[in-house]
Amino acid sequence: MSGIVFLYVTAPNAETAARIARALVEEKLAACVNIHAEMRSVYEWEGKVEIGLETPLIVKTTAAAANAARDRILALHPYGEPCVAALPVAAEGSSANFLDWITRAVSPGKHS
């Protein structure tokens, strides 16, 4: 593993996604956050199948900062149970320079 984690997050709309993304980057909990176009989600909630629109985010951070980034996302997110899933990034096949940039951009030692 590379020590880099991508957090996959969904938000109810682009405004919420942008607010979360900006906070994470400003607070040095993420090097970058990609906000994708609105997507349709089909899911079961409280025994009923729902169809709704959500805005996905990919948060690029370090393993050391992942828990702090997750906690900040949960604090900023309006959902009671938001999607926040950590996906470890393998060094194999990844750009070493890109992974190093993420490591440099996220504040070291502050998030343990």
PDB file of N, CA and C in Angstrom:
ATOM      1  N   MET A   1       0.831  -1.187   0.000  1.00  0.00           N
ATOM      2  CA  MET A   1       0.000   0.000   0.000  1.00  0.00           C
ATOM      3  C   MET A   1       0.871   1.245   0.000  1.00  0.00           C
ATOM      4  N   SER A   2       0.260   2.327  -0.378  1.00  0.00           N
ATOM      5  CA  SER A   2       1.009   3.570  -0.573  1.00  0.00           C
ATOM      6  C   SER A   2       0.909   4.552   0.587  1.00  0.00           C
ATOM      7  N   GLY A   3      -0.012   4.308   1.523  1.00  0.00           N
ATOM      8  CA  GLY A   3      -0.259   5.288   2.569  1.00  0.00           C
ATOM      9  C   GLY A   3      -1.241   6.361   2.132  1.00  0.00           C
ATOM     10  N   ILE A   4      -1.802   6.193   0.944  1.00  0.00           N
ATOM     11  CA  ILE A   4      -2.789   7.124   0.403  1.00  0.00           C
ATOM     12  C   ILE A   4      -4.150   6.437   0.421  1.00  0.00           C
ATOM     13  N   VAL A   5      -5.179   7.224   0.732  1.00  0.00           N
ATOM     14  CA  VAL A   5      -6.548   6.719   0.789  1.00  0.00           C
ATOM     15  C   VAL A   5      -7.437   7.667  -0.006  1.00  0.00           C
ATOM     16  N   PHE A   6      -8.338   7.101  -0.782  1.00  0.00           N
ATOM     17  CA  PHE A   6      -9.400   7.882  -1.404  1.00  0.00           C
ATOM     18  C   PHE A   6     -10.666   7.606  -0.616  1.00  0.00           C
ATOM     19  N   LEU A   7     -11.338   8.648  -0.177  1.00  0.00           N
ATOM     20  CA  LEU A   7     -12.628   8.497   0.488  1.00  0.00           C
ATOM     21  C   LEU A   7     -13.715   8.765  -0.545  1.00  0.00           C
ATOM     22  N   TYR A   8     -14.585   7.786  -0.712  1.00  0.00           N
ATOM     23  CA  TYR A   8     -15.740   7.954  -1.602  1.00  0.00           C
ATOM     24  C   TYR A   8     -16.896   8.446  -0.747  1.00  0.00           C
ATOM     25  N   VAL A   9     -17.477   9.569  -1.142  1.00  0.00           N
ATOM     26  CA  VAL A   9     -18.527  10.224  -0.357  1.00  0.00           C
ATOM     27  C   VAL A   9     -19.649  10.617  -1.310  1.00  0.00           C
ATOM     28  N   THR A  10     -20.887  10.543  -0.840  1.00  0.00           N
ATOM     29  CA  THR A  10     -21.989  11.114  -1.610  1.00  0.00           C
ATOM     30  C   THR A  10     -22.638  12.222  -0.788  1.00  0.00           C
ATOM     31  N   ALA A  11     -23.048  13.270  -1.491  1.00  0.00           N
ATOM     32  CA  ALA A  11     -23.700  14.420  -0.864  1.00  0.00           C
ATOM     33  C   ALA A  11     -25.058  14.630  -1.533  1.00  0.00           C
ATOM     34  N   PRO A  12     -25.973  15.323  -0.857  1.00  0.00           N
ATOM     35  CA  PRO A  12     -27.305  15.498  -1.428  1.00  0.00           C
ATOM     36  C   PRO A  12     -27.340  16.442  -2.624  1.00  0.00           C
ATOM     37  N   ASN A  13     -26.307  17.299  -2.775  1.00  0.00           N
ATOM     38  CA  ASN A  13     -26.306  18.251  -3.889  1.00  0.00           C
ATOM     39  C   ASN A  13     -24.901  18.833  -4.048  1.00  0.00           C
ATOM     40  N   ALA A  14     -24.723  19.583  -5.139  1.00  0.00           N
ATOM     41  CA  ALA A  14     -23.406  20.140  -5.454  1.00  0.00           C
ATOM     42  C   ALA A  14     -22.962  21.180  -4.432  1.00  0.00           C
ATOM     43  N   GLU A  15     -23.890  21.929  -3.867  1.00  0.00           N
ATOM     44  CA  GLU A  15     -23.526  22.952  -2.885  1.00  0.00           C
ATOM     45  C   GLU A  15     -22.943  22.323  -1.625  1.00  0.00           C
ATOM     46  N   THR A  16     -23.581  21.267  -1.147  1.00  0.00           N
ATOM     47  CA  THR A  16     -23.060  20.560   0.026  1.00  0.00           C
ATOM     48  C   THR A  16     -21.711  19.941  -0.293  1.00  0.00           C
ATOM     49  N   ALA A  17     -21.589  19.342  -1.463  1.00  0.00           N
ATOM     50  CA  ALA A  17     -20.322  18.732  -1.877  1.00  0.00           C
ATOM     51  C   ALA A  17     -19.206  19.774  -1.896  1.00  0.00           C
ATOM     52  N   ALA A  18     -19.479  20.945  -2.441  1.00  0.00           N
ATOM     53  CA  ALA A  18     -18.468  22.004  -2.520  1.00  0.00           C
ATOM     54  C   ALA A  18     -18.082  22.504  -1.137  1.00  0.00           C
ATOM     55  N   ARG A  19     -19.050  22.621  -0.240  1.00  0.00           N
ATOM     56  CA  ARG A  19     -18.768  23.076   1.124  1.00  0.00           C
ATOM     57  C   ARG A  19     -17.850  22.076   1.842  1.00  0.00           C
ATOM     58  N   ILE A  20     -18.156  20.793   1.706  1.00  0.00           N
ATOM     59  CA  ILE A  20     -17.329  19.745   2.320  1.00  0.00           C
ATOM     60  C   ILE A  20     -15.932  19.752   1.703  1.00  0.00           C
ATOM     61  N   ALA A  21     -15.860  19.800   0.383  1.00  0.00           N
ATOM     62  CA  ALA A  21     -14.572  19.766  -0.315  1.00  0.00           C
ATOM     63  C   ALA A  21     -13.687  20.937   0.102  1.00  0.00           C
ATOM     64  N   ARG A  22     -14.260  22.114   0.116  1.00  0.00           N
ATOM     65  CA  ARG A  22     -13.482  23.317   0.464  1.00  0.00           C
ATOM     66  C   ARG A  22     -12.940  23.215   1.890  1.00  0.00           C
ATOM     67  N   ALA A  23     -13.769  22.776   2.823  1.00  0.00           N
ATOM     68  CA  ALA A  23     -13.325  22.652   4.216  1.00  0.00           C
ATOM     69  C   ALA A  23     -12.176  21.653   4.329  1.00  0.00           C
ATOM     70  N   LEU A  24     -12.278  20.517   3.663  1.00  0.00           N
ATOM     71  CA  LEU A  24     -11.232  19.497   3.756  1.00  0.00           C
ATOM     72  C   LEU A  24      -9.901  19.991   3.200  1.00  0.00           C
ATOM     73  N   VAL A  25      -9.944  20.688   2.084  1.00  0.00           N
ATOM     74  CA  VAL A  25      -8.700  21.190   1.481  1.00  0.00           C
ATOM     75  C   VAL A  25      -8.136  22.346   2.305  1.00  0.00           C
ATOM     76  N   GLU A  26      -8.988  23.286   2.722  1.00  0.00           N
ATOM     77  CA  GLU A  26      -8.507  24.413   3.536  1.00  0.00           C
ATOM     78  C   GLU A  26      -7.900  23.953   4.850  1.00  0.00           C
ATOM     79  N   GLU A  27      -8.482  22.904   5.443  1.00  0.00           N
ATOM     80  CA  GLU A  27      -7.995  22.394   6.724  1.00  0.00           C
ATOM     81  C   GLU A  27      -6.869  21.371   6.568  1.00  0.00           C
ATOM     82  N   LYS A  28      -6.403  21.194   5.344  1.00  0.00           N
ATOM     83  CA  LYS A  28      -5.296  20.287   5.013  1.00  0.00           C
ATOM     84  C   LYS A  28      -5.586  18.840   5.416  1.00  0.00           C
ATOM     85  N   LEU A  29      -6.864  18.457   5.355  1.00  0.00           N
ATOM     86  CA  LEU A  29      -7.275  17.072   5.571  1.00  0.00           C
ATOM     87  C   LEU A  29      -7.314  16.308   4.260  1.00  0.00           C
ATOM     88  N   ALA A  30      -7.244  17.025   3.147  1.00  0.00           N
ATOM     89  CA  ALA A  30      -7.229  16.417   1.814  1.00  0.00           C
ATOM     90  C   ALA A  30      -6.375  17.276   0.894  1.00  0.00           C
ATOM     91  N   ALA A  31      -5.715  16.614  -0.045  1.00  0.00           N
ATOM     92  CA  ALA A  31      -4.937  17.333  -1.054  1.00  0.00           C
ATOM     93  C   ALA A  31      -5.848  17.872  -2.147  1.00  0.00           C
ATOM     94  N   CYS A  32      -6.892  17.119  -2.436  1.00  0.00           N
ATOM     95  CA  CYS A  32      -7.789  17.445  -3.541  1.00  0.00           C
ATOM     96  C   CYS A  32      -9.094  16.702  -3.312  1.00  0.00           C
ATOM     97  N   VAL A  33     -10.196  17.280  -3.755  1.00  0.00           N
ATOM     98  CA  VAL A  33     -11.491  16.598  -3.743  1.00  0.00           C
ATOM     99  C   VAL A  33     -12.109  16.771  -5.120  1.00  0.00           C
ATOM    100  N   ASN A  34     -12.418  15.667  -5.764  1.00  0.00           N
ATOM    101  CA  ASN A  34     -13.131  15.713  -7.043  1.00  0.00           C
ATOM    102  C   ASN A  34     -14.616  15.676  -6.761  1.00  0.00           C
ATOM    103  N   ILE A  35     -15.342  16.623  -7.343  1.00  0.00           N
ATOM    104  CA  ILE A  35     -16.801  16.649  -7.242  1.00  0.00           C
ATOM    105  C   ILE A  35     -17.337  16.270  -8.612  1.00  0.00           C
ATOM    106  N   HIS A  36     -18.068  15.191  -8.654  1.00  0.00           N
ATOM    107  CA  HIS A  36     -18.568  14.675  -9.922  1.00  0.00           C
ATOM    108  C   HIS A  36     -19.979  15.188 -10.200  1.00  0.00           C
ATOM    109  N   ALA A  37     -20.420  14.972 -11.418  1.00  0.00           N
ATOM    110  CA  ALA A  37     -21.768  15.370 -11.813  1.00  0.00           C
ATOM    111  C   ALA A  37     -22.796  14.582 -11.014  1.00  0.00           C
ATOM    112  N   GLU A  38     -23.930  15.189 -10.841  1.00  0.00           N
ATOM    113  CA  GLU A  38     -25.032  14.550 -10.117  1.00  0.00           C
ATOM    114  C   GLU A  38     -25.334  13.175 -10.723  1.00  0.00           C
ATOM    115  N   MET A  39     -25.634  12.230  -9.863  1.00  0.00           N
ATOM    116  CA  MET A  39     -25.950  10.875 -10.311  1.00  0.00           C
ATOM    117  C   MET A  39     -27.237  10.403  -9.648  1.00  0.00           C
ATOM    118  N   ARG A  40     -27.850   9.422 -10.238  1.00  0.00           N
ATOM    119  CA  ARG A  40     -29.055   8.825  -9.677  1.00  0.00           C
ATOM    120  C   ARG A  40     -28.638   7.633  -8.823  1.00  0.00           C
ATOM    121  N   SER A  41     -29.158   7.554  -7.619  1.00  0.00           N
ATOM    122  CA  SER A  41     -28.873   6.446  -6.708  1.00  0.00           C
ATOM    123  C   SER A  41     -30.167   5.690  -6.429  1.00  0.00           C
ATOM    124  N   VAL A  42     -30.064   4.375  -6.439  1.00  0.00           N
ATOM    125  CA  VAL A  42     -31.180   3.504  -6.083  1.00  0.00           C
ATOM    126  C   VAL A  42     -30.737   2.726  -4.851  1.00  0.00           C
ATOM    127  N   TYR A  43     -31.513   2.815  -3.774  1.00  0.00           N
ATOM    128  CA  TYR A  43     -31.103   2.196  -2.522  1.00  0.00           C
ATOM    129  C   TYR A  43     -32.325   1.858  -1.684  1.00  0.00           C
ATOM    130  N   GLU A  44     -32.118   0.979  -0.716  1.00  0.00           N
ATOM    131  CA  GLU A  44     -33.186   0.661   0.223  1.00  0.00           C
ATOM    132  C   GLU A  44     -32.982   1.479   1.486  1.00  0.00           C
ATOM    133  N   TRP A  45     -34.023   2.118   1.954  1.00  0.00           N
ATOM    134  CA  TRP A  45     -33.972   2.909   3.172  1.00  0.00           C
ATOM    135  C   TRP A  45     -35.256   2.679   3.944  1.00  0.00           C
ATOM    136  N   GLU A  46     -35.088   2.215   5.177  1.00  0.00           N
ATOM    137  CA  GLU A  46     -36.214   1.945   6.064  1.00  0.00           C
ATOM    138  C   GLU A  46     -37.259   1.052   5.402  1.00  0.00           C
ATOM    139  N   GLY A  47     -36.754  -0.014   4.736  1.00  0.00           N
ATOM    140  CA  GLY A  47     -37.624  -1.027   4.143  1.00  0.00           C
ATOM    141  C   GLY A  47     -38.252  -0.661   2.814  1.00  0.00           C
ATOM    142  N   LYS A  48     -37.854   0.459   2.245  1.00  0.00           N
ATOM    143  CA  LYS A  48     -38.464   0.922   0.997  1.00  0.00           C
ATOM    144  C   LYS A  48     -37.367   1.251  -0.019  1.00  0.00           C
ATOM    145  N   VAL A  49     -37.589   0.876  -1.287  1.00  0.00           N
ATOM    146  CA  VAL A  49     -36.628   1.223  -2.334  1.00  0.00           C
ATOM    147  C   VAL A  49     -36.832   2.681  -2.727  1.00  0.00           C
ATOM    148  N   GLU A  50     -35.747   3.431  -2.685  1.00  0.00           N
ATOM    149  CA  GLU A  50     -35.763   4.859  -2.991  1.00  0.00           C
ATOM    150  C   GLU A  50     -34.921   5.122  -4.239  1.00  0.00           C
ATOM    151  N   ILE A  51     -35.261   6.162  -4.959  1.00  0.00           N
ATOM    152  CA  ILE A  51     -34.455   6.647  -6.080  1.00  0.00           C
ATOM    153  C   ILE A  51     -34.260   8.134  -5.850  1.00  0.00           C
ATOM    154  N   GLY A  52     -33.013   8.549  -5.807  1.00  0.00           N
ATOM    155  CA  GLY A  52     -32.739   9.958  -5.554  1.00  0.00           C
ATOM    156  C   GLY A  52     -31.492  10.417  -6.283  1.00  0.00           C
ATOM    157  N   LEU A  53     -31.258  11.703  -6.268  1.00  0.00           N
ATOM    158  CA  LEU A  53     -30.077  12.283  -6.883  1.00  0.00           C
ATOM    159  C   LEU A  53     -29.050  12.616  -5.804  1.00  0.00           C
ATOM    160  N   GLU A  54     -27.798  12.323  -6.102  1.00  0.00           N
ATOM    161  CA  GLU A  54     -26.707  12.624  -5.179  1.00  0.00           C
ATOM    162  C   GLU A  54     -25.512  13.124  -5.976  1.00  0.00           C
ATOM    163  N   THR A  55     -24.613  13.799  -5.295  1.00  0.00           N
ATOM    164  CA  THR A  55     -23.381  14.288  -5.896  1.00  0.00           C
ATOM    165  C   THR A  55     -22.216  13.537  -5.262  1.00  0.00           C
ATOM    166  N   PRO A  56     -21.471  12.754  -6.060  1.00  0.00           N
ATOM    167  CA  PRO A  56     -20.347  12.006  -5.505  1.00  0.00           C
ATOM    168  C   PRO A  56     -19.066  12.836  -5.415  1.00  0.00           C
ATOM    169  N   LEU A  57     -18.275  12.526  -4.392  1.00  0.00           N
ATOM    170  CA  LEU A  57     -16.975  13.155  -4.189  1.00  0.00           C
ATOM    171  C   LEU A  57     -15.923  12.064  -4.034  1.00  0.00           C
ATOM    172  N   ILE A  58     -14.724  12.357  -4.488  1.00  0.00           N
ATOM    173  CA  ILE A  58     -13.560  11.517  -4.192  1.00  0.00           C
ATOM    174  C   ILE A  58     -12.558  12.411  -3.468  1.00  0.00           C
ATOM    175  N   VAL A  59     -12.301  12.068  -2.220  1.00  0.00           N
ATOM    176  CA  VAL A  59     -11.411  12.839  -1.349  1.00  0.00           C
ATOM    177  C   VAL A  59     -10.053  12.151  -1.351  1.00  0.00           C
ATOM    178  N   LYS A  60      -9.018  12.856  -1.769  1.00  0.00           N
ATOM    179  CA  LYS A  60      -7.663  12.305  -1.844  1.00  0.00           C
ATOM    180  C   LYS A  60      -6.905  12.744  -0.601  1.00  0.00           C
ATOM    181  N   THR A  61      -6.561  11.764   0.242  1.00  0.00           N
ATOM    182  CA  THR A  61      -5.924  12.069   1.513  1.00  0.00           C
ATOM    183  C   THR A  61      -4.902  10.991   1.856  1.00  0.00           C
ATOM    184  N   THR A  62      -4.312  11.115   3.032  1.00  0.00           N
ATOM    185  CA  THR A  62      -3.369  10.105   3.512  1.00  0.00           C
ATOM    186  C   THR A  62      -4.076   9.165   4.487  1.00  0.00           C
ATOM    187  N   ALA A  63      -3.511   7.998   4.668  1.00  0.00           N
ATOM    188  CA  ALA A  63      -4.068   7.066   5.652  1.00  0.00           C
ATOM    189  C   ALA A  63      -4.038   7.695   7.045  1.00  0.00           C
ATOM    190  N   ALA A  64      -2.993   8.459   7.339  1.00  0.00           N
ATOM    191  CA  ALA A  64      -2.876   9.097   8.657  1.00  0.00           C
ATOM    192  C   ALA A  64      -3.967  10.131   8.899  1.00  0.00           C
ATOM    193  N   ALA A  65      -4.445  10.779   7.841  1.00  0.00           N
ATOM    194  CA  ALA A  65      -5.462  11.824   7.986  1.00  0.00           C
ATOM    195  C   ALA A  65      -6.872  11.319   7.682  1.00  0.00           C
ATOM    196  N   ALA A  66      -7.010  10.074   7.270  1.00  0.00           N
ATOM    197  CA  ALA A  66      -8.311   9.569   6.814  1.00  0.00           C
ATOM    198  C   ALA A  66      -9.386   9.630   7.900  1.00  0.00           C
ATOM    199  N   ASN A  67      -9.062   9.248   9.117  1.00  0.00           N
ATOM    200  CA  ASN A  67     -10.071   9.283  10.182  1.00  0.00           C
ATOM    201  C   ASN A  67     -10.504  10.711  10.504  1.00  0.00           C
ATOM    202  N   ALA A  68      -9.548  11.636  10.535  1.00  0.00           N
ATOM    203  CA  ALA A  68      -9.891  13.035  10.791  1.00  0.00           C
ATOM    204  C   ALA A  68     -10.731  13.598   9.645  1.00  0.00           C
ATOM    205  N   ALA A  69     -10.393  13.238   8.401  1.00  0.00           N
ATOM    206  CA  ALA A  69     -11.185  13.682   7.248  1.00  0.00           C
ATOM    207  C   ALA A  69     -12.592  13.110   7.330  1.00  0.00           C
ATOM    208  N   ARG A  70     -12.698  11.834   7.653  1.00  0.00           N
ATOM    209  CA  ARG A  70     -14.011  11.207   7.821  1.00  0.00           C
ATOM    210  C   ARG A  70     -14.834  11.930   8.880  1.00  0.00           C
ATOM    211  N   ASP A  71     -14.220  12.205  10.021  1.00  0.00           N
ATOM    212  CA  ASP A  71     -14.945  12.874  11.106  1.00  0.00           C
ATOM    213  C   ASP A  71     -15.405  14.264  10.691  1.00  0.00           C
ATOM    214  N   ARG A  72     -14.580  14.966   9.929  1.00  0.00           N
ATOM    215  CA  ARG A  72     -14.965  16.310   9.466  1.00  0.00           C
ATOM    216  C   ARG A  72     -16.121  16.218   8.465  1.00  0.00           C
ATOM    217  N   ILE A  73     -16.062  15.236   7.575  1.00  0.00           N
ATOM    218  CA  ILE A  73     -17.158  15.013   6.618  1.00  0.00           C
ATOM    219  C   ILE A  73     -18.451  14.742   7.376  1.00  0.00           C
ATOM    220  N   LEU A  74     -18.397  13.859   8.360  1.00  0.00           N
ATOM    221  CA  LEU A  74     -19.599  13.527   9.137  1.00  0.00           C
ATOM    222  C   LEU A  74     -20.149  14.754   9.861  1.00  0.00           C
ATOM    223  N   ALA A  75     -19.264  15.622  10.347  1.00  0.00           N
ATOM    224  CA  ALA A  75     -19.705  16.830  11.046  1.00  0.00           C
ATOM    225  C   ALA A  75     -20.371  17.830  10.093  1.00  0.00           C
ATOM    226  N   LEU A  76     -19.925  17.876   8.848  1.00  0.00           N
ATOM    227  CA  LEU A  76     -20.449  18.830   7.877  1.00  0.00           C
ATOM    228  C   LEU A  76     -21.643  18.302   7.087  1.00  0.00           C
ATOM    229  N   HIS A  77     -21.848  17.002   7.101  1.00  0.00           N
ATOM    230  CA  HIS A  77     -22.836  16.354   6.232  1.00  0.00           C
ATOM    231  C   HIS A  77     -24.230  16.406   6.832  1.00  0.00           C
ATOM    232  N   PRO A  78     -25.251  16.690   6.014  1.00  0.00           N
ATOM    233  CA  PRO A  78     -26.612  16.756   6.544  1.00  0.00           C
ATOM    234  C   PRO A  78     -27.282  15.395   6.751  1.00  0.00           C
ATOM    235  N   TYR A  79     -26.772  14.338   6.136  1.00  0.00           N
ATOM    236  CA  TYR A  79     -27.386  13.010   6.295  1.00  0.00           C
ATOM    237  C   TYR A  79     -27.049  12.428   7.661  1.00  0.00           C
ATOM    238  N   GLY A  80     -27.970  11.663   8.222  1.00  0.00           N
ATOM    239  CA  GLY A  80     -27.711  10.955   9.471  1.00  0.00           C
ATOM    240  C   GLY A  80     -26.736   9.803   9.284  1.00  0.00           C
ATOM    241  N   GLU A  81     -26.761   9.170   8.122  1.00  0.00           N
ATOM    242  CA  GLU A  81     -25.870   8.049   7.801  1.00  0.00           C
ATOM    243  C   GLU A  81     -25.285   8.248   6.409  1.00  0.00           C
ATOM    244  N   PRO A  82     -24.379   9.216   6.234  1.00  0.00           N
ATOM    245  CA  PRO A  82     -23.825   9.458   4.900  1.00  0.00           C
ATOM    246  C   PRO A  82     -22.872   8.354   4.460  1.00  0.00           C
ATOM    247  N   CYS A  83     -22.751   8.208   3.163  1.00  0.00           N
ATOM    248  CA  CYS A  83     -21.773   7.295   2.583  1.00  0.00           C
ATOM    249  C   CYS A  83     -20.397   7.934   2.703  1.00  0.00           C
ATOM    250  N   VAL A  84     -19.522   7.283   3.467  1.00  0.00           N
ATOM    251  CA  VAL A  84     -18.109   7.643   3.523  1.00  0.00           C
ATOM    252  C   VAL A  84     -17.370   6.316   3.559  1.00  0.00           C
ATOM    253  N   ALA A  85     -16.704   5.976   2.464  1.00  0.00           N
ATOM    254  CA  ALA A  85     -16.017   4.693   2.371  1.00  0.00           C
ATOM    255  C   ALA A  85     -14.561   4.916   1.981  1.00  0.00           C
ATOM    256  N   ALA A  86     -13.651   4.317   2.742  1.00  0.00           N
ATOM    257  CA  ALA A  86     -12.216   4.464   2.498  1.00  0.00           C
ATOM    258  C   ALA A  86     -11.732   3.391   1.535  1.00  0.00           C
ATOM    259  N   LEU A  87     -11.025   3.834   0.515  1.00  0.00           N
ATOM    260  CA  LEU A  87     -10.470   2.939  -0.495  1.00  0.00           C
ATOM    261  C   LEU A  87      -8.955   3.126  -0.511  1.00  0.00           C
ATOM    262  N   PRO A  88      -8.192   2.144  -0.014  1.00  0.00           N
ATOM    263  CA  PRO A  88      -6.733   2.288  -0.026  1.00  0.00           C
ATOM    264  C   PRO A  88      -6.207   2.294  -1.463  1.00  0.00           C
ATOM    265  N   VAL A  89      -5.181   3.080  -1.695  1.00  0.00           N
ATOM    266  CA  VAL A  89      -4.580   3.200  -3.022  1.00  0.00           C
ATOM    267  C   VAL A  89      -3.284   2.398  -3.040  1.00  0.00           C
ATOM    268  N   ALA A  90      -3.151   1.504  -3.999  1.00  0.00           N
ATOM    269  CA  ALA A  90      -1.939   0.695  -4.132  1.00  0.00           C
ATOM    270  C   ALA A  90      -0.834   1.512  -4.782  1.00  0.00           C
ATOM    271  N   ALA A  91       0.385   1.331  -4.310  1.00  0.00           N
ATOM    272  CA  ALA A  91       1.529   1.999  -4.931  1.00  0.00           C
ATOM    273  C   ALA A  91       1.761   1.432  -6.334  1.00  0.00           C
ATOM    274  N   GLU A  92       1.535   0.141  -6.480  1.00  0.00           N
ATOM    275  CA  GLU A  92       1.712  -0.507  -7.770  1.00  0.00           C
ATOM    276  C   GLU A  92       0.688   0.044  -8.758  1.00  0.00           C
ATOM    277  N   GLY A  93       1.183   0.545  -9.871  1.00  0.00           N
ATOM    278  CA  GLY A  93       0.316   1.083 -10.898  1.00  0.00           C
ATOM    279  C   GLY A  93      -0.046   2.546 -10.702  1.00  0.00           C
ATOM    280  N   SER A  94       0.289   3.118  -9.554  1.00  0.00           N
ATOM    281  CA  SER A  94      -0.002   4.529  -9.299  1.00  0.00           C
ATOM    282  C   SER A  94       1.209   5.387  -9.653  1.00  0.00           C
ATOM    283  N   SER A  95       0.975   6.638  -9.925  1.00  0.00           N
ATOM    284  CA  SER A  95       2.058   7.583 -10.178  1.00  0.00           C
ATOM    285  C   SER A  95       2.702   7.956  -8.839  1.00  0.00           C
ATOM    286  N   ALA A  96       3.968   7.644  -8.683  1.00  0.00           N
ATOM    287  CA  ALA A  96       4.677   7.944  -7.434  1.00  0.00           C
ATOM    288  C   ALA A  96       4.682   9.451  -7.162  1.00  0.00           C
ATOM    289  N   ASN A  97       4.845  10.268  -8.188  1.00  0.00           N
ATOM    290  CA  ASN A  97       4.848  11.722  -8.004  1.00  0.00           C
ATOM    291  C   ASN A  97       3.496  12.209  -7.500  1.00  0.00           C
ATOM    292  N   PHE A  98       2.416  11.657  -8.025  1.00  0.00           N
ATOM    293  CA  PHE A  98       1.066  12.036  -7.592  1.00  0.00           C
ATOM    294  C   PHE A  98       0.853  11.662  -6.130  1.00  0.00           C
ATOM    295  N   LEU A  99       1.239  10.452  -5.758  1.00  0.00           N
ATOM    296  CA  LEU A  99       1.086  10.002  -4.374  1.00  0.00           C
ATOM    297  C   LEU A  99       1.918  10.865  -3.426  1.00  0.00           C
ATOM    298  N   ASP A 100       3.127  11.223  -3.859  1.00  0.00           N
ATOM    299  CA  ASP A 100       3.975  12.099  -3.041  1.00  0.00           C
ATOM    300  C   ASP A 100       3.338  13.476  -2.868  1.00  0.00           C
ATOM    301  N   TRP A 101       2.711  13.993  -3.926  1.00  0.00           N
ATOM    302  CA  TRP A 101       2.042  15.296  -3.839  1.00  0.00           C
ATOM    303  C   TRP A 101       0.930  15.261  -2.794  1.00  0.00           C
ATOM    304  N   ILE A 102       0.138  14.191  -2.786  1.00  0.00           N
ATOM    305  CA  ILE A 102      -0.929  14.075  -1.779  1.00  0.00           C
ATOM    306  C   ILE A 102      -0.322  14.103  -0.382  1.00  0.00           C
ATOM    307  N   THR A 103       0.734  13.333  -0.187  1.00  0.00           N
ATOM    308  CA  THR A 103       1.394  13.274   1.118  1.00  0.00           C
ATOM    309  C   THR A 103       1.895  14.654   1.547  1.00  0.00           C
ATOM    310  N   ARG A 104       2.482  15.392   0.621  1.00  0.00           N
ATOM    311  CA  ARG A 104       3.002  16.738   0.941  1.00  0.00           C
ATOM    312  C   ARG A 104       1.868  17.735   1.220  1.00  0.00           C
ATOM    313  N   ALA A 105       0.734  17.586   0.523  1.00  0.00           N
ATOM    314  CA  ALA A 105      -0.357  18.553   0.642  1.00  0.00           C
ATOM    315  C   ALA A 105      -1.182  18.406   1.909  1.00  0.00           C
ATOM    316  N   VAL A 106      -1.209  17.188   2.453  1.00  0.00           N
ATOM    317  CA  VAL A 106      -1.976  16.935   3.674  1.00  0.00           C
ATOM    318  C   VAL A 106      -1.048  17.163   4.861  1.00  0.00           C
ATOM    319  N   SER A 107      -1.511  17.929   5.844  1.00  0.00           N
ATOM    320  CA  SER A 107      -0.658  18.255   6.987  1.00  0.00           C
ATOM    321  C   SER A 107      -0.181  17.008   7.699  1.00  0.00           C
ATOM    322  N   PRO A 108       1.131  16.821   7.807  1.00  0.00           N
ATOM    323  CA  PRO A 108       1.660  15.647   8.483  1.00  0.00           C
ATOM    324  C   PRO A 108       1.517  15.739  10.000  1.00  0.00           C
ATOM    325  N   GLY A 109       1.256  14.591  10.625  1.00  0.00           N
ATOM    326  CA  GLY A 109       1.268  14.489  12.075  1.00  0.00           C
ATOM    327  C   GLY A 109       0.110  15.129  12.801  1.00  0.00           C
ATOM    328  N   LYS A 110      -0.651  15.963  12.156  1.00  0.00           N
ATOM    329  CA  LYS A 110      -1.720  16.719  12.823  1.00  0.00           C
ATOM    330  C   LYS A 110      -2.964  15.859  13.037  1.00  0.00           C
ATOM    331  N   HIS A 111      -3.100  14.754  12.333  1.00  0.00           N
ATOM    332  CA  HIS A 111      -4.378  14.036  12.271  1.00  0.00           C
ATOM    333  C   HIS A 111      -4.341  12.636  12.868  1.00  0.00           C
ATOM    334  N   SER A 112      -3.478  12.353  13.773  1.00  0.00           N
ATOM    335  CA  SER A 112      -3.418  10.973  14.277  1.00  0.00           C
ATOM    336  C   SER A 112      -4.455  10.682  15.325  1.00  0.00           C
TER     337      SER A 112
END
